[in-house]
Amino acid sequence: QVQLVESGGDSVQAGGSLRLSCAAAGYSYGAYCMGWFRQAPGKEREGVATIYYAVRLYADSVKGRFTISQDYAGNTLYLQMNDLKPEDTAMYYCARARATYTNTGRCSPLLSVDFGYWGQGTQVTVSS
């Protein structure tokens, strides 16, 4: 059974930093595209960043500020968030693709439809 558990969300001042973590279990870690998505109240879910080994893609709104990474030995996905802005306030979700990268050949934050497994979310609040 696939399990994704996020942690690290908090309330910070604008300009601050946070690191989100996502502990994964129940499957062969490393075979799938992984991603971070977020959803603010009253807004559509937005792809933030995705990763499959050296392939890392970011939403334009976070480029240069956020970094996605993985610890393959620890089955953990990370999102380092620097220079946080009030518009980054949202619930952040870790997600895993439905199929392996070998089958799909793609891994993009624009393709949320490819993701079939989601964590429960961790709240990030940025105040000005």
Protein backbone atom coordinates (compact mmCIF):
# COMPACT_ATOMS: atom_id res chain seq x y z
CA GLN A 1 0.00 0.00 0.00
CA VAL A 2 1.43 3.34 -1.07
CA GLN A 3 1.89 5.77 1.78
CA LEU A 4 3.01 9.37 1.50
CA VAL A 5 3.35 11.44 4.65
CA GLU A 6 4.30 15.11 4.48
CA SER A 7 5.81 17.20 7.25
CA GLY A 8 7.59 20.50 7.71
CA GLY A 9 4.80 22.98 7.10
CA ASP A 10 4.73 26.02 9.34
CA SER A 11 3.92 29.72 9.60
CA VAL A 12 6.77 32.02 8.56
CA GLN A 13 7.42 35.64 7.68
CA ALA A 14 7.89 36.68 4.08
CA GLY A 15 11.49 36.10 3.02
CA GLY A 16 11.83 33.09 5.27
CA SER A 17 12.58 29.48 4.42
CA LEU A 18 11.05 26.09 5.05
CA ARG A 19 11.91 22.54 4.06
CA LEU A 20 9.07 20.13 3.45
CA SER A 21 9.58 16.39 3.66
CA CYS A 22 7.56 13.50 2.30
CA ALA A 23 8.21 10.02 3.65
CA ALA A 24 7.25 7.37 1.12
CA ALA A 25 6.54 3.70 1.75
CA GLY A 26 4.86 0.68 0.22
CA TYR A 27 6.43 0.66 -3.23
CA SER A 28 9.70 0.63 -5.11
CA TYR A 29 10.92 4.15 -4.49
CA GLY A 30 12.81 5.71 -7.36
CA ALA A 31 10.83 4.13 -10.16
CA TYR A 32 8.22 6.89 -10.27
CA CYS A 33 7.98 10.57 -10.93
CA MET A 34 7.40 12.41 -7.66
CA GLY A 35 6.00 15.87 -7.21
CA TRP A 36 4.89 18.65 -4.93
CA PHE A 37 1.57 20.36 -5.51
CA ARG A 38 -0.23 23.06 -3.57
CA GLN A 39 -3.72 24.37 -3.17
CA ALA A 40 -4.73 27.68 -1.63
CA PRO A 41 -8.29 28.30 -0.39
CA GLY A 42 -10.60 29.03 -3.27
CA LYS A 43 -7.96 28.22 -5.89
CA GLU A 44 -7.22 25.31 -8.19
CA ARG A 45 -4.50 22.84 -7.25
CA GLU A 46 -1.17 23.93 -8.73
CA GLY A 47 1.87 21.90 -9.62
CA VAL A 48 4.96 23.24 -7.86
CA ALA A 49 7.80 20.90 -8.82
CA THR A 50 8.47 17.39 -10.03
CA ILE A 51 11.50 15.12 -10.03
CA TYR A 52 12.71 11.94 -11.60
CA TYR A 53 16.39 11.54 -10.91
CA ALA A 54 18.12 14.43 -12.74
CA VAL A 55 14.90 15.62 -14.37
CA ARG A 56 13.55 18.46 -12.25
CA LEU A 57 10.85 20.86 -13.38
CA TYR A 58 9.36 23.84 -11.58
CA ALA A 59 6.38 26.10 -11.87
CA ASP A 60 7.41 29.54 -13.10
CA SER A 61 6.15 31.05 -9.85
CA VAL A 62 8.75 29.18 -7.76
CA LYS A 63 11.76 28.95 -10.09
CA GLY A 64 14.91 30.16 -8.40
CA ARG A 65 13.32 29.98 -4.95
CA PHE A 66 12.30 26.33 -4.49
CA THR A 67 14.40 23.20 -4.90
CA ILE A 68 13.05 19.66 -5.12
CA SER A 69 15.26 16.75 -4.16
CA GLN A 70 15.16 13.12 -3.09
CA ASP A 71 16.94 10.85 -0.65
CA TYR A 72 16.71 7.49 -2.36
CA ALA A 73 18.23 5.62 0.54
CA GLY A 74 15.68 7.12 2.93
CA ASN A 75 12.71 7.05 0.54
CA THR A 76 12.11 10.72 1.20
CA LEU A 77 11.15 13.60 -1.05
CA TYR A 78 12.04 17.17 -0.11
CA LEU A 79 11.05 20.67 -1.10
CA GLN A 80 13.39 23.43 0.03
CA MET A 81 11.54 26.72 -0.11
CA ASN A 82 13.48 29.99 0.16
CA ASP A 83 12.43 33.62 -0.08
CA LEU A 84 8.86 32.69 0.71
CA LYS A 85 6.11 35.08 -0.32
CA PRO A 86 2.55 35.48 0.98
CA GLU A 87 1.29 34.03 -2.30
CA ASP A 88 3.06 30.77 -1.43
CA THR A 89 0.52 30.24 1.34
CA ALA A 90 -1.25 26.94 0.66
CA MET A 91 -1.63 23.33 1.64
CA TYR A 92 1.27 21.46 0.10
CA TYR A 93 0.85 17.88 -1.09
CA CYS A 94 3.38 15.23 -2.01
CA ALA A 95 2.33 12.99 -4.89
CA ARG A 96 3.49 9.93 -6.81
CA ALA A 97 2.77 9.14 -10.41
CA ARG A 98 0.32 6.35 -11.20
CA ALA A 99 2.76 4.56 -13.53
CA THR A 100 6.53 4.21 -13.58
CA TYR A 101 8.61 6.71 -15.52
CA THR A 102 9.72 3.86 -17.75
CA ASN A 103 6.10 3.48 -18.88
CA THR A 104 5.19 7.14 -19.25
CA GLY A 105 8.44 8.90 -20.12
CA ARG A 106 7.20 12.11 -18.55
CA CYS A 107 7.35 13.94 -15.26
CA SER A 108 5.95 17.46 -15.10
CA PRO A 109 4.17 19.68 -12.58
CA LEU A 110 1.81 20.60 -15.41
CA LEU A 111 0.54 17.01 -15.58
CA SER A 112 -1.27 16.49 -12.28
CA VAL A 113 -3.47 13.96 -14.07
CA ASP A 114 -0.46 11.61 -14.08
CA PHE A 115 -0.38 11.50 -10.29
CA GLY A 116 -2.57 8.99 -8.52
CA TYR A 117 -1.21 8.86 -5.00
CA TRP A 118 -1.35 11.80 -2.63
CA GLY A 119 -0.33 12.60 0.91
CA GLN A 120 -2.57 14.30 3.43
CA GLY A 121 -0.87 17.66 3.02
CA THR A 122 1.10 20.06 5.17
CA GLN A 123 0.12 23.71 5.65
CA VAL A 124 2.46 26.54 4.75
CA THR A 125 1.45 30.05 5.78
CA VAL A 126 3.54 33.08 4.84
CA SER A 127 2.75 36.42 6.40
CA SER A 128 3.86 39.80 5.10
